[in-house]
C-alpha atoms as a PDB file:
ATOM      1  CA  UNK A   1      70.657 126.925  90.936  1.00  0.00           C
ATOM      2  CA  UNK A   2      73.649 128.772  92.386  1.00  0.00           C
ATOM      3  CA  UNK A   3      72.126 130.952  95.124  1.00  0.00           C
ATOM      4  CA  UNK A   4      73.495 134.306  93.977  1.00  0.00           C
ATOM      5  CA  UNK A   5      72.573 133.697  90.328  1.00  0.00           C
ATOM      6  CA  UNK A   6      69.107 132.542  91.355  1.00  0.00           C
ATOM      7  CA  UNK A   7      68.626 135.686  93.430  1.00  0.00           C
ATOM      8  CA  UNK A   8      69.821 137.924  90.595  1.00  0.00           C
ATOM      9  CA  UNK A   9      67.429 136.285  88.124  1.00  0.00           C
ATOM     10  CA  UNK A  10      64.537 136.669  90.549  1.00  0.00           C
ATOM     11  CA  UNK A  11      65.511 140.334  91.032  1.00  0.00           C
ATOM     12  CA  UNK A  12      65.166 141.224  87.362  1.00  0.00           C
ATOM     13  CA  UNK A  13      68.305 139.962  85.617  1.00  0.00           C
ATOM     14  CA  UNK A  14      67.387 138.364  82.298  1.00  0.00           C
ATOM     15  CA  UNK A  15      69.772 136.129  80.342  1.00  0.00           C
ATOM     16  CA  UNK A  16      69.411 135.381  76.644  1.00  0.00           C
ATOM     17  CA  UNK A  17      70.605 132.550  74.430  1.00  0.00           C
ATOM     18  CA  UNK A  18      73.090 131.818  73.112  1.00  0.00           C
ATOM     19  CA  UNK A  19      74.431 131.863  76.662  1.00  0.00           C
ATOM     20  CA  UNK A  20      77.942 130.950  77.757  1.00  0.00           C
ATOM     21  CA  UNK A  21      78.988 130.057  81.306  1.00  0.00           C
ATOM     22  CA  UNK A  22      82.704 130.353  82.001  1.00  0.00           C
ATOM     23  CA  UNK A  23      84.592 128.369  84.673  1.00  0.00           C
ATOM     24  CA  UNK A  24      81.767 126.917  86.794  1.00  0.00           C
ATOM     25  CA  UNK A  25      82.587 124.142  89.250  1.00  0.00           C
ATOM     26  CA  UNK A  26      80.289 121.367  90.470  1.00  0.00           C
ATOM     27  CA  UNK A  27      79.517 123.644  93.427  1.00  0.00           C
ATOM     28  CA  UNK A  28      77.760 125.967  90.967  1.00  0.00           C
ATOM     29  CA  UNK A  29      74.338 124.481  90.303  1.00  0.00           C
ATOM     30  CA  UNK A  30      73.315 125.274  86.705  1.00  0.00           C
ATOM     31  CA  UNK A  31      70.401 122.846  86.574  1.00  0.00           C
ATOM     32  CA  UNK A  32      67.797 125.540  85.882  1.00  0.00           C
ATOM     33  CA  UNK A  33      69.641 126.863  82.823  1.00  0.00           C
ATOM     34  CA  UNK A  34      68.700 125.538  79.357  1.00  0.00           C
ATOM     35  CA  UNK A  35      70.813 122.611  78.192  1.00  0.00           C
ATOM     36  CA  UNK A  36      71.828 124.494  75.051  1.00  0.00           C
ATOM     37  CA  UNK A  37      73.885 126.739  77.345  1.00  0.00           C
ATOM     38  CA  UNK A  38      77.563 126.359  76.541  1.00  0.00           C
ATOM     39  CA  UNK A  39      79.766 125.603  79.548  1.00  0.00           C
ATOM     40  CA  UNK A  40      83.462 126.397  79.130  1.00  0.00           C
ATOM     41  CA  UNK A  41      85.488 124.412  81.669  1.00  0.00           C
ATOM     42  CA  UNK A  42      89.070 123.258  80.940  1.00  0.00           C
ATOM     43  CA  UNK A  43      89.360 121.031  84.035  1.00  0.00           C
ATOM     44  CA  UNK A  44      88.398 117.542  82.863  1.00  0.00           C
ATOM     45  CA  UNK A  45      86.468 116.262  85.916  1.00  0.00           C
ATOM     46  CA  UNK A  46      84.430 119.481  86.068  1.00  0.00           C
ATOM     47  CA  UNK A  47      83.942 119.468  82.282  1.00  0.00           C
ATOM     48  CA  UNK A  48      82.631 115.911  82.462  1.00  0.00           C
ATOM     49  CA  UNK A  49      80.299 116.848  85.342  1.00  0.00           C
ATOM     50  CA  UNK A  50      78.478 119.418  83.215  1.00  0.00           C
ATOM     51  CA  UNK A  51      78.573 117.281  80.065  1.00  0.00           C
ATOM     52  CA  UNK A  52      76.835 114.520  82.033  1.00  0.00           C
ATOM     53  CA  UNK A  53      74.111 117.002  82.927  1.00  0.00           C
ATOM     54  CA  UNK A  54      73.434 117.576  79.242  1.00  0.00           C
ATOM     55  CA  UNK A  55      75.147 120.939  78.764  1.00  0.00           C
ATOM     56  CA  UNK A  56      77.264 121.751  75.723  1.00  0.00           C
ATOM     57  CA  UNK A  57      80.592 121.454  77.560  1.00  0.00           C
ATOM     58  CA  UNK A  58      83.918 122.423  76.013  1.00  0.00           C
ATOM     59  CA  UNK A  59      87.431 123.092  77.360  1.00  0.00           C
ATOM     60  CA  UNK A  60      87.692 126.313  75.352  1.00  0.00           C
ATOM     61  CA  UNK A  61      85.685 128.140  72.752  1.00  0.00           C
ATOM     62  CA  UNK A  62      85.529 131.425  70.889  1.00  0.00           C
ATOM     63  CA  UNK A  63      81.962 130.893  69.691  1.00  0.00           C
ATOM     64  CA  UNK A  64      79.902 134.102  69.780  1.00  0.00           C
ATOM     65  CA  UNK A  65      77.336 134.485  72.531  1.00  0.00           C
ATOM     66  CA  UNK A  66      74.597 136.900  73.490  1.00  0.00           C
ATOM     67  CA  UNK A  67      75.195 136.859  77.263  1.00  0.00           C
ATOM     68  CA  UNK A  68      77.837 135.286  79.485  1.00  0.00           C
ATOM     69  CA  UNK A  69      78.244 134.305  83.127  1.00  0.00           C
ATOM     70  CA  UNK A  70      81.703 134.210  84.725  1.00  0.00           C
ATOM     71  CA  UNK A  71      82.283 132.247  87.917  1.00  0.00           C
ATOM     72  CA  UNK A  72      85.414 133.646  89.509  1.00  0.00           C
ATOM     73  CA  UNK A  73      88.465 131.443  90.019  1.00  0.00           C
ATOM     74  CA  UNK A  74      90.967 132.144  92.773  1.00  0.00           C
ATOM     75  CA  UNK A  75      93.767 133.294  90.462  1.00  0.00           C
ATOM     76  CA  UNK A  76      93.480 137.045  89.855  1.00  0.00           C
ATOM     77  CA  UNK A  77      95.166 136.966  86.438  1.00  0.00           C
ATOM     78  CA  UNK A  78      92.831 134.202  85.288  1.00  0.00           C
ATOM     79  CA  UNK A  79      89.763 136.038  86.640  1.00  0.00           C
ATOM     80  CA  UNK A  80      90.676 139.130  84.626  1.00  0.00           C
ATOM     81  CA  UNK A  81      91.370 137.036  81.534  1.00  0.00           C
ATOM     82  CA  UNK A  82      87.937 135.404  81.863  1.00  0.00           C
ATOM     83  CA  UNK A  83      86.215 138.781  82.072  1.00  0.00           C
ATOM     84  CA  UNK A  84      88.005 139.850  78.890  1.00  0.00           C
ATOM     85  CA  UNK A  85      87.136 136.550  77.225  1.00  0.00           C
ATOM     86  CA  UNK A  86      83.473 136.950  78.166  1.00  0.00           C
ATOM     87  CA  UNK A  87      83.373 140.475  76.758  1.00  0.00           C
ATOM     88  CA  UNK A  88      85.127 139.370  73.565  1.00  0.00           C
ATOM     89  CA  UNK A  89      82.590 136.680  72.762  1.00  0.00           C
ATOM     90  CA  UNK A  90      79.342 138.062  74.225  1.00  0.00           C
ATOM     91  CA  UNK A  91      77.592 141.146  72.915  1.00  0.00           C
ATOM     92  CA  UNK A  92      75.037 141.523  75.693  1.00  0.00           C
ATOM     93  CA  UNK A  93      75.176 141.161  79.470  1.00  0.00           C
ATOM     94  CA  UNK A  94      78.232 139.918  81.375  1.00  0.00           C
ATOM     95  CA  UNK A  95      77.460 138.456  84.815  1.00  0.00           C
ATOM     96  CA  UNK A  96      80.222 137.972  87.385  1.00  0.00           C
ATOM     97  CA  UNK A  97      79.591 135.706  90.376  1.00  0.00           C
ATOM     98  CA  UNK A  98      82.225 135.134  93.037  1.00  0.00           C
ATOM     99  CA  UNK A  99      82.987 134.476  96.664  1.00  0.00           C
ATOM    100  CA  UNK A 100      84.719 137.001  98.872  1.00  0.00           C
ATOM    101  CA  UNK A 101      87.541 134.521  99.351  1.00  0.00           C
ATOM    102  CA  UNK A 102      88.051 134.500  95.562  1.00  0.00           C
ATOM    103  CA  UNK A 103      88.509 138.261  95.424  1.00  0.00           C
ATOM    104  CA  UNK A 104      85.108 139.350  94.129  1.00  0.00           C
ATOM    105  CA  UNK A 105      85.188 142.637  96.073  1.00  0.00           C
ATOM    106  CA  UNK A 106      88.516 143.637  94.564  1.00  0.00           C
ATOM    107  CA  UNK A 107      87.422 142.668  91.067  1.00  0.00           C
ATOM    108  CA  UNK A 108      84.143 144.551  91.448  1.00  0.00           C
ATOM    109  CA  UNK A 109      86.077 147.656  92.448  1.00  0.00           C
ATOM    110  CA  UNK A 110      88.346 147.347  89.402  1.00  0.00           C
ATOM    111  CA  UNK A 111      85.482 146.709  86.966  1.00  0.00           C
ATOM    112  CA  UNK A 112      83.424 149.592  88.359  1.00  0.00           C
ATOM    113  CA  UNK A 113      86.221 151.947  87.287  1.00  0.00           C
ATOM    114  CA  UNK A 114      85.740 150.847  83.669  1.00  0.00           C
ATOM    115  CA  UNK A 115      82.021 150.246  83.100  1.00  0.00           C
ATOM    116  CA  UNK A 116      78.663 150.911  84.742  1.00  0.00           C
ATOM    117  CA  UNK A 117      77.672 148.140  87.157  1.00  0.00           C
ATOM    118  CA  UNK A 118      74.239 146.690  87.859  1.00  0.00           C
ATOM    119  CA  UNK A 119      73.694 145.119  91.247  1.00  0.00           C
ATOM    120  CA  UNK A 120      75.720 144.139  93.081  1.00  0.00           C
ATOM    121  CA  UNK A 121      73.817 141.605  95.149  1.00  0.00           C
ATOM    122  CA  UNK A 122      75.409 140.054  98.230  1.00  0.00           C
ATOM    123  CA  UNK A 123      74.566 136.542  99.357  1.00  0.00           C
ATOM    124  CA  UNK A 124      76.303 133.461 100.764  1.00  0.00           C
ATOM    125  CA  UNK A 125      79.618 135.207 101.470  1.00  0.00           C
ATOM    126  CA  UNK A 126      79.938 136.564  97.964  1.00  0.00           C
ATOM    127  CA  UNK A 127      78.590 138.948  95.355  1.00  0.00           C
ATOM    128  CA  UNK A 128      77.051 138.873  91.911  1.00  0.00           C
ATOM    129  CA  UNK A 129      76.909 141.833  89.532  1.00  0.00           C
ATOM    130  CA  UNK A 130      76.510 142.442  85.830  1.00  0.00           C
ATOM    131  CA  UNK A 131      77.290 144.987  83.136  1.00  0.00           C
ATOM    132  CA  UNK A 132      77.016 145.609  79.409  1.00  0.00           C
ATOM    133  CA  UNK A 133      79.764 143.858  77.471  1.00  0.00           C
ATOM    134  CA  UNK A 134      82.607 146.145  76.400  1.00  0.00           C
ATOM    135  CA  UNK A 135      85.684 144.331  75.083  1.00  0.00           C
ATOM    136  CA  UNK A 136      87.623 147.558  74.577  1.00  0.00           C
ATOM    137  CA  UNK A 137      87.240 148.465  78.248  1.00  0.00           C
ATOM    138  CA  UNK A 138      89.042 145.271  79.257  1.00  0.00           C
ATOM    139  CA  UNK A 139      91.549 144.931  76.416  1.00  0.00           C
ATOM    140  CA  UNK A 140      94.476 145.074  78.838  1.00  0.00           C
ATOM    141  CA  UNK A 141      93.040 142.123  80.785  1.00  0.00           C
ATOM    142  CA  UNK A 142      93.477 139.696  77.897  1.00  0.00           C
ATOM    143  CA  UNK A 143      95.582 136.623  78.599  1.00  0.00           C
ATOM    144  CA  UNK A 144      99.010 136.985  76.974  1.00  0.00           C
ATOM    145  CA  UNK A 145      99.305 135.114  73.719  1.00  0.00           C
ATOM    146  CA  UNK A 146     102.759 133.867  74.623  1.00  0.00           C
ATOM    147  CA  UNK A 147     103.526 133.811  78.356  1.00  0.00           C
ATOM    148  CA  UNK A 148     107.082 132.569  78.938  1.00  0.00           C
ATOM    149  CA  UNK A 149     108.522 131.674  82.344  1.00  0.00           C
ATOM    150  CA  UNK A 150     112.037 130.271  82.759  1.00  0.00           C
ATOM    151  CA  UNK A 151     112.015 129.338  79.076  1.00  0.00           C
ATOM    152  CA  UNK A 152     108.681 127.494  79.257  1.00  0.00           C
ATOM    153  CA  UNK A 153     105.225 128.395  77.967  1.00  0.00           C
ATOM    154  CA  UNK A 154     102.677 128.879  80.769  1.00  0.00           C
ATOM    155  CA  UNK A 155      99.287 130.577  81.063  1.00  0.00           C
ATOM    156  CA  UNK A 156      97.258 132.459  83.687  1.00  0.00           C
ATOM    157  CA  UNK A 157      95.645 130.172  86.239  1.00  0.00           C
ATOM    158  CA  UNK A 158      97.647 127.007  85.578  1.00  0.00           C
ATOM    159  CA  UNK A 159      99.640 125.460  88.398  1.00  0.00           C
ATOM    160  CA  UNK A 160     103.035 127.134  88.823  1.00  0.00           C
ATOM    161  CA  UNK A 161     102.227 129.703  86.156  1.00  0.00           C
ATOM    162  CA  UNK A 162     104.850 132.152  87.380  1.00  0.00           C
ATOM    163  CA  UNK A 163     107.852 129.855  87.728  1.00  0.00           C
ATOM    164  CA  UNK A 164     109.157 126.327  88.142  1.00  0.00           C
ATOM    165  CA  UNK A 165     107.565 124.643  91.155  1.00  0.00           C
ATOM    166  CA  UNK A 166     110.265 123.904  93.766  1.00  0.00           C
ATOM    167  CA  UNK A 167     108.819 120.468  94.532  1.00  0.00           C
ATOM    168  CA  UNK A 168     108.977 119.509  90.857  1.00  0.00           C
ATOM    169  CA  UNK A 169     112.524 120.820  90.666  1.00  0.00           C
ATOM    170  CA  UNK A 170     113.473 118.616  93.640  1.00  0.00           C
ATOM    171  CA  UNK A 171     111.895 115.575  92.001  1.00  0.00           C
ATOM    172  CA  UNK A 172     113.692 116.261  88.732  1.00  0.00           C
ATOM    173  CA  UNK A 173     117.053 116.375  90.541  1.00  0.00           C
ATOM    174  CA  UNK A 174     116.224 113.061  92.247  1.00  0.00           C
ATOM    175  CA  UNK A 175     115.292 111.047  89.166  1.00  0.00           C
ATOM    176  CA  UNK A 176     117.687 108.298  88.108  1.00  0.00           C
ATOM    177  CA  UNK A 177     120.104 109.007  85.286  1.00  0.00           C
ATOM    178  CA  UNK A 178     119.507 105.536  83.881  1.00  0.00           C
ATOM    179  CA  UNK A 179     116.174 105.861  82.126  1.00  0.00           C
ATOM    180  CA  UNK A 180     113.462 103.379  81.244  1.00  0.00           C
ATOM    181  CA  UNK A 181     111.579 103.296  77.983  1.00  0.00           C
ATOM    182  CA  UNK A 182     107.870 103.774  78.713  1.00  0.00           C
ATOM    183  CA  UNK A 183     107.042 106.615  81.081  1.00  0.00           C
ATOM    184  CA  UNK A 184     103.965 108.526  82.209  1.00  0.00           C
ATOM    185  CA  UNK A 185     103.868 111.898  83.913  1.00  0.00           C
ATOM    186  CA  UNK A 186     100.635 111.974  85.910  1.00  0.00           C
ATOM    187  CA  UNK A 187      99.429 115.517  86.491  1.00  0.00           C
ATOM    188  CA  UNK A 188     101.993 116.736  83.977  1.00  0.00           C
ATOM    189  CA  UNK A 189     100.966 120.398  84.169  1.00  0.00           C
ATOM    190  CA  UNK A 190     102.726 122.499  81.562  1.00  0.00           C
ATOM    191  CA  UNK A 191     105.368 119.821  81.095  1.00  0.00           C
ATOM    192  CA  UNK A 192     108.371 120.817  83.200  1.00  0.00           C
ATOM    193  CA  UNK A 193     109.147 117.293  84.422  1.00  0.00           C
ATOM    194  CA  UNK A 194     108.406 115.653  81.090  1.00  0.00           C
ATOM    195  CA  UNK A 195     110.673 118.046  79.236  1.00  0.00           C
ATOM    196  CA  UNK A 196     113.600 116.671  81.241  1.00  0.00           C
ATOM    197  CA  UNK A 197     112.865 113.045  80.343  1.00  0.00           C
ATOM    198  CA  UNK A 198     113.676 113.199  76.655  1.00  0.00           C
ATOM    199  CA  UNK A 199     116.676 111.002  75.811  1.00  0.00           C
ATOM    200  CA  UNK A 200     117.709 108.309  73.349  1.00  0.00           C
ATOM    201  CA  UNK A 201     116.349 105.424  75.441  1.00  0.00           C
ATOM    202  CA  UNK A 202     112.803 106.772  75.513  1.00  0.00           C
ATOM    203  CA  UNK A 203     110.144 104.793  73.658  1.00  0.00           C
ATOM    204  CA  UNK A 204     107.035 106.686  74.741  1.00  0.00           C
ATOM    205  CA  UNK A 205     106.177 109.472  77.149  1.00  0.00           C
ATOM    206  CA  UNK A 206     102.583 110.025  78.235  1.00  0.00           C
ATOM    207  CA  UNK A 207     101.659 113.421  79.658  1.00  0.00           C
ATOM    208  CA  UNK A 208      98.394 113.108  81.578  1.00  0.00           C
ATOM    209  CA  UNK A 209      96.802 116.350  82.696  1.00  0.00           C
ATOM    210  CA  UNK A 210      93.259 117.350  83.663  1.00  0.00           C
ATOM    211  CA  UNK A 211      93.759 121.074  82.965  1.00  0.00           C
ATOM    212  CA  UNK A 212      93.325 121.552  79.231  1.00  0.00           C
ATOM    213  CA  UNK A 213      95.039 124.943  79.358  1.00  0.00           C
ATOM    214  CA  UNK A 214      98.121 123.482  81.036  1.00  0.00           C
ATOM    215  CA  UNK A 215      98.189 120.593  78.573  1.00  0.00           C
ATOM    216  CA  UNK A 216      98.118 123.057  75.678  1.00  0.00           C
ATOM    217  CA  UNK A 217     101.201 124.706  77.185  1.00  0.00           C
ATOM    218  CA  UNK A 218     102.833 121.285  77.558  1.00  0.00           C
ATOM    219  CA  UNK A 219     102.425 120.651  73.833  1.00  0.00           C
ATOM    220  CA  UNK A 220     104.603 123.705  73.234  1.00  0.00           C
ATOM    221  CA  UNK A 221     107.153 122.735  75.878  1.00  0.00           C
ATOM    222  CA  UNK A 222     107.524 119.045  74.953  1.00  0.00           C
ATOM    223  CA  UNK A 223     107.794 118.734  71.186  1.00  0.00           C
ATOM    224  CA  UNK A 224     109.443 115.316  70.892  1.00  0.00           C
ATOM    225  CA  UNK A 225     107.342 113.050  68.628  1.00  0.00           C
ATOM    226  CA  UNK A 226     107.451 110.256  71.215  1.00  0.00           C
ATOM    227  CA  UNK A 227     105.394 112.379  73.608  1.00  0.00           C
ATOM    228  CA  UNK A 228     101.658 111.694  73.770  1.00  0.00           C
ATOM    229  CA  UNK A 229      99.227 114.092  75.420  1.00  0.00           C
ATOM    230  CA  UNK A 230      96.145 112.964  77.325  1.00  0.00           C
ATOM    231  CA  UNK A 231      93.471 115.351  78.609  1.00  0.00           C
ATOM    232  CA  UNK A 232      92.283 113.100  81.403  1.00  0.00           C
ATOM    233  CA  UNK A 233      91.757 112.614  85.114  1.00  0.00           C
ATOM    234  CA  UNK A 234      95.008 111.051  86.323  1.00  0.00           C
ATOM    235  CA  UNK A 235      93.157 109.041  88.984  1.00  0.00           C
ATOM    236  CA  UNK A 236      91.347 106.905  86.402  1.00  0.00           C
ATOM    237  CA  UNK A 237      93.395 107.217  83.191  1.00  0.00           C
ATOM    238  CA  UNK A 238      94.436 103.931  81.573  1.00  0.00           C
ATOM    239  CA  UNK A 239      97.738 103.803  79.739  1.00  0.00           C
ATOM    240  CA  UNK A 240      97.676 102.375  76.212  1.00  0.00           C
ATOM    241  CA  UNK A 241     100.644 100.170  77.162  1.00  0.00           C
ATOM    242  CA  UNK A 242     102.189  98.836  80.393  1.00  0.00           C
ATOM    243  CA  UNK A 243     104.501 101.453  81.877  1.00  0.00           C
ATOM    244  CA  UNK A 244     108.021 101.078  83.194  1.00  0.00           C
ATOM    245  CA  UNK A 245     107.963 104.263  85.247  1.00  0.00           C
ATOM    246  CA  UNK A 246     105.506 106.870  86.489  1.00  0.00           C
ATOM    247  CA  UNK A 247     106.578 110.264  87.785  1.00  0.00           C
ATOM    248  CA  UNK A 248     104.290 112.713  89.518  1.00  0.00           C
ATOM    249  CA  UNK A 249     103.896 115.755  91.680  1.00  0.00           C
ATOM    250  CA  UNK A 250     100.219 115.185  92.489  1.00  0.00           C
ATOM    251  CA  UNK A 251      97.926 118.044  93.451  1.00  0.00           C
ATOM    252  CA  UNK A 252      96.398 117.820  96.879  1.00  0.00           C
ATOM    253  CA  UNK A 253      93.314 119.971  96.426  1.00  0.00           C
ATOM    254  CA  UNK A 254      90.744 121.038  93.836  1.00  0.00           C
ATOM    255  CA  UNK A 255      89.410 123.744  96.135  1.00  0.00           C
ATOM    256  CA  UNK A 256      90.808 125.600  99.122  1.00  0.00           C
ATOM    257  CA  UNK A 257      90.724 122.521 101.337  1.00  0.00           C
ATOM    258  CA  UNK A 258      93.641 120.084 101.269  1.00  0.00           C
ATOM    259  CA  UNK A 259      92.587 116.548 100.404  1.00  0.00           C
ATOM    260  CA  UNK A 260      95.218 113.811 100.454  1.00  0.00           C
ATOM    261  CA  UNK A 261      92.709 111.448  98.798  1.00  0.00           C
ATOM    262  CA  UNK A 262      93.515 113.061  95.468  1.00  0.00           C
ATOM    263  CA  UNK A 263      97.191 112.139  95.697  1.00  0.00           C
ATOM    264  CA  UNK A 264      96.234 108.703  96.995  1.00  0.00           C
ATOM    265  CA  UNK A 265      94.176 108.228  93.840  1.00  0.00           C
ATOM    266  CA  UNK A 266      97.227 109.136  91.750  1.00  0.00           C
ATOM    267  CA  UNK A 267      99.294 106.522  93.599  1.00  0.00           C
ATOM    268  CA  UNK A 268      96.688 103.786  93.154  1.00  0.00           C
ATOM    269  CA  UNK A 269      96.364 104.461  89.448  1.00  0.00           C
ATOM    270  CA  UNK A 270     100.124 104.583  88.962  1.00  0.00           C
ATOM    271  CA  UNK A 271     100.330 101.079  90.443  1.00  0.00           C
ATOM    272  CA  UNK A 272      97.574  99.826  88.129  1.00  0.00           C
ATOM    273  CA  UNK A 273      99.381 101.082  85.028  1.00  0.00           C
ATOM    274  CA  UNK A 274     102.905  99.875  85.859  1.00  0.00           C
ATOM    275  CA  UNK A 275     104.531  96.583  84.900  1.00  0.00           C
ATOM    276  CA  UNK A 276     105.377  94.076  87.659  1.00  0.00           C
ATOM    277  CA  UNK A 277     108.857  95.587  87.868  1.00  0.00           C
ATOM    278  CA  UNK A 278     107.650  99.157  87.371  1.00  0.00           C
ATOM    279  CA  UNK A 279     108.635 102.061  89.544  1.00  0.00           C
ATOM    280  CA  UNK A 280     107.047 105.232  90.815  1.00  0.00           C
ATOM    281  CA  UNK A 281     108.874 108.468  91.566  1.00  0.00           C
ATOM    282  CA  UNK A 282     106.831 111.122  93.313  1.00  0.00           C
ATOM    283  CA  UNK A 283     107.235 114.290  95.331  1.00  0.00           C
ATOM    284  CA  UNK A 284     104.819 115.557  97.958  1.00  0.00           C
ATOM    285  CA  UNK A 285     104.496 118.185 100.641  1.00  0.00           C
ATOM    286  CA  UNK A 286     106.190 116.990 103.813  1.00  0.00           C
ATOM    287  CA  UNK A 287     102.963 117.003 105.871  1.00  0.00           C
ATOM    288  CA  UNK A 288     100.891 114.843 103.522  1.00  0.00           C
ATOM    289  CA  UNK A 289     100.421 111.221 104.734  1.00  0.00           C
ATOM    290  CA  UNK A 290     101.179 109.166 101.626  1.00  0.00           C
ATOM    291  CA  UNK A 291     103.427 106.527 103.198  1.00  0.00           C
ATOM    292  CA  UNK A 292     100.608 104.102 104.074  1.00  0.00           C
ATOM    293  CA  UNK A 293      99.077 104.328 100.610  1.00  0.00           C
ATOM    294  CA  UNK A 294     102.440 103.742  98.958  1.00  0.00           C
ATOM    295  CA  UNK A 295     103.002 100.676 101.140  1.00  0.00           C
ATOM    296  CA  UNK A 296      99.527  99.405 100.243  1.00  0.00           C
ATOM    297  CA  UNK A 297     100.210  99.460  96.515  1.00  0.00           C
ATOM    298  CA  UNK A 298     103.984  98.829  96.293  1.00  0.00           C
ATOM    299  CA  UNK A 299     106.301  96.180  97.719  1.00  0.00           C
ATOM    300  CA  UNK A 300     109.239  98.536  98.186  1.00  0.00           C
ATOM    301  CA  UNK A 301     108.970 102.165  99.282  1.00  0.00           C
ATOM    302  CA  UNK A 302     111.719 104.532 100.342  1.00  0.00           C
ATOM    303  CA  UNK A 303     112.132 108.238 100.835  1.00  0.00           C
ATOM    304  CA  UNK A 304     115.138 109.132  98.708  1.00  0.00           C
ATOM    305  CA  UNK A 305     115.337 112.918  99.040  1.00  0.00           C
ATOM    306  CA  UNK A 306     113.673 115.800 100.794  1.00  0.00           C
ATOM    307  CA  UNK A 307     113.883 118.911 102.885  1.00  0.00           C
ATOM    308  CA  UNK A 308     111.696 120.604 105.477  1.00  0.00           C
ATOM    309  CA  UNK A 309     108.996 121.290 102.857  1.00  0.00           C
ATOM    310  CA  UNK A 310     108.981 118.290 100.500  1.00  0.00           C
ATOM    311  CA  UNK A 311     109.756 114.585 100.343  1.00  0.00           C
ATOM    312  CA  UNK A 312     110.616 112.416  97.333  1.00  0.00           C
ATOM    313  CA  UNK A 313     109.565 108.763  97.253  1.00  0.00           C
ATOM    314  CA  UNK A 314     110.769 105.901  95.105  1.00  0.00           C
ATOM    315  CA  UNK A 315     108.337 102.980  95.067  1.00  0.00           C
ATOM    316  CA  UNK A 316     108.743  99.789  93.053  1.00  0.00           C
ATOM    317  CA  UNK A 317     107.129  96.423  92.302  1.00  0.00           C
ATOM    318  CA  UNK A 318     103.381  97.158  92.423  1.00  0.00           C
ATOM    319  CA  UNK A 319     101.315  94.739  94.474  1.00  0.00           C
ATOM    320  CA  UNK A 320      98.571  92.659  92.913  1.00  0.00           C
END
């Protein structure tokens, strides 16, 4: 079990069913919890991890609960929204577990001003504490029902929640004016790039996104009936039809550590889903080494735009 939660339980914390666990990652070992525990995780690979372990996994839920455990994300606005969500659905104990690097000390200080705290217990560079649920005490921490940024719907915790990502904006400016008919946006986020692809030549547009919350925003931002939305891991998603073009601004980490393998997986899967004459348009941080992977999977690769922060690639004719 997660070391801080295990220590808290051995120190007298008691959790009752129905129990909800909000935002755990595979680094949070829940194996000692009953399988009827509901795990709320909107990120598809993490959701599937806990579903495979036998938990009742869901991307979102308002089902009532007795107690709830919140594992802190890095985003402060999302962390506060999760605390409010936990209090809104659970009538008993709310447990908060987080690393110092995720802001647990600051959140503990803020929560202590509102309710009485039990614990806290420090272990493994973090803290765990708990308190009696009180939705009214955290009413102002609720996620906004309609968060608008630059004319688009976003939500706390999603990528580029506070404004258009400059790398995506650069890619959008670099895309060809002559469109193709079958397109996929891998790692579509809340739909900024896809929203700019709607024209008369379009046959189908596939938005592939692992973050269920971001994909829900994308449904509001891209309302054309030719758009199809896929809650999926973009590294292994299979298109329902051969694609003429893939666009992407791939993420390069799922934690604090940069990992170019994630973007490399996006590139490999783009090549698998494209037609023989298909093309890939992607943007990446300047320092990330994607050139070799692009050359491995595509016959032609060129950098077509960029600045000191980002680079835009156009790759065509997938190999194999």
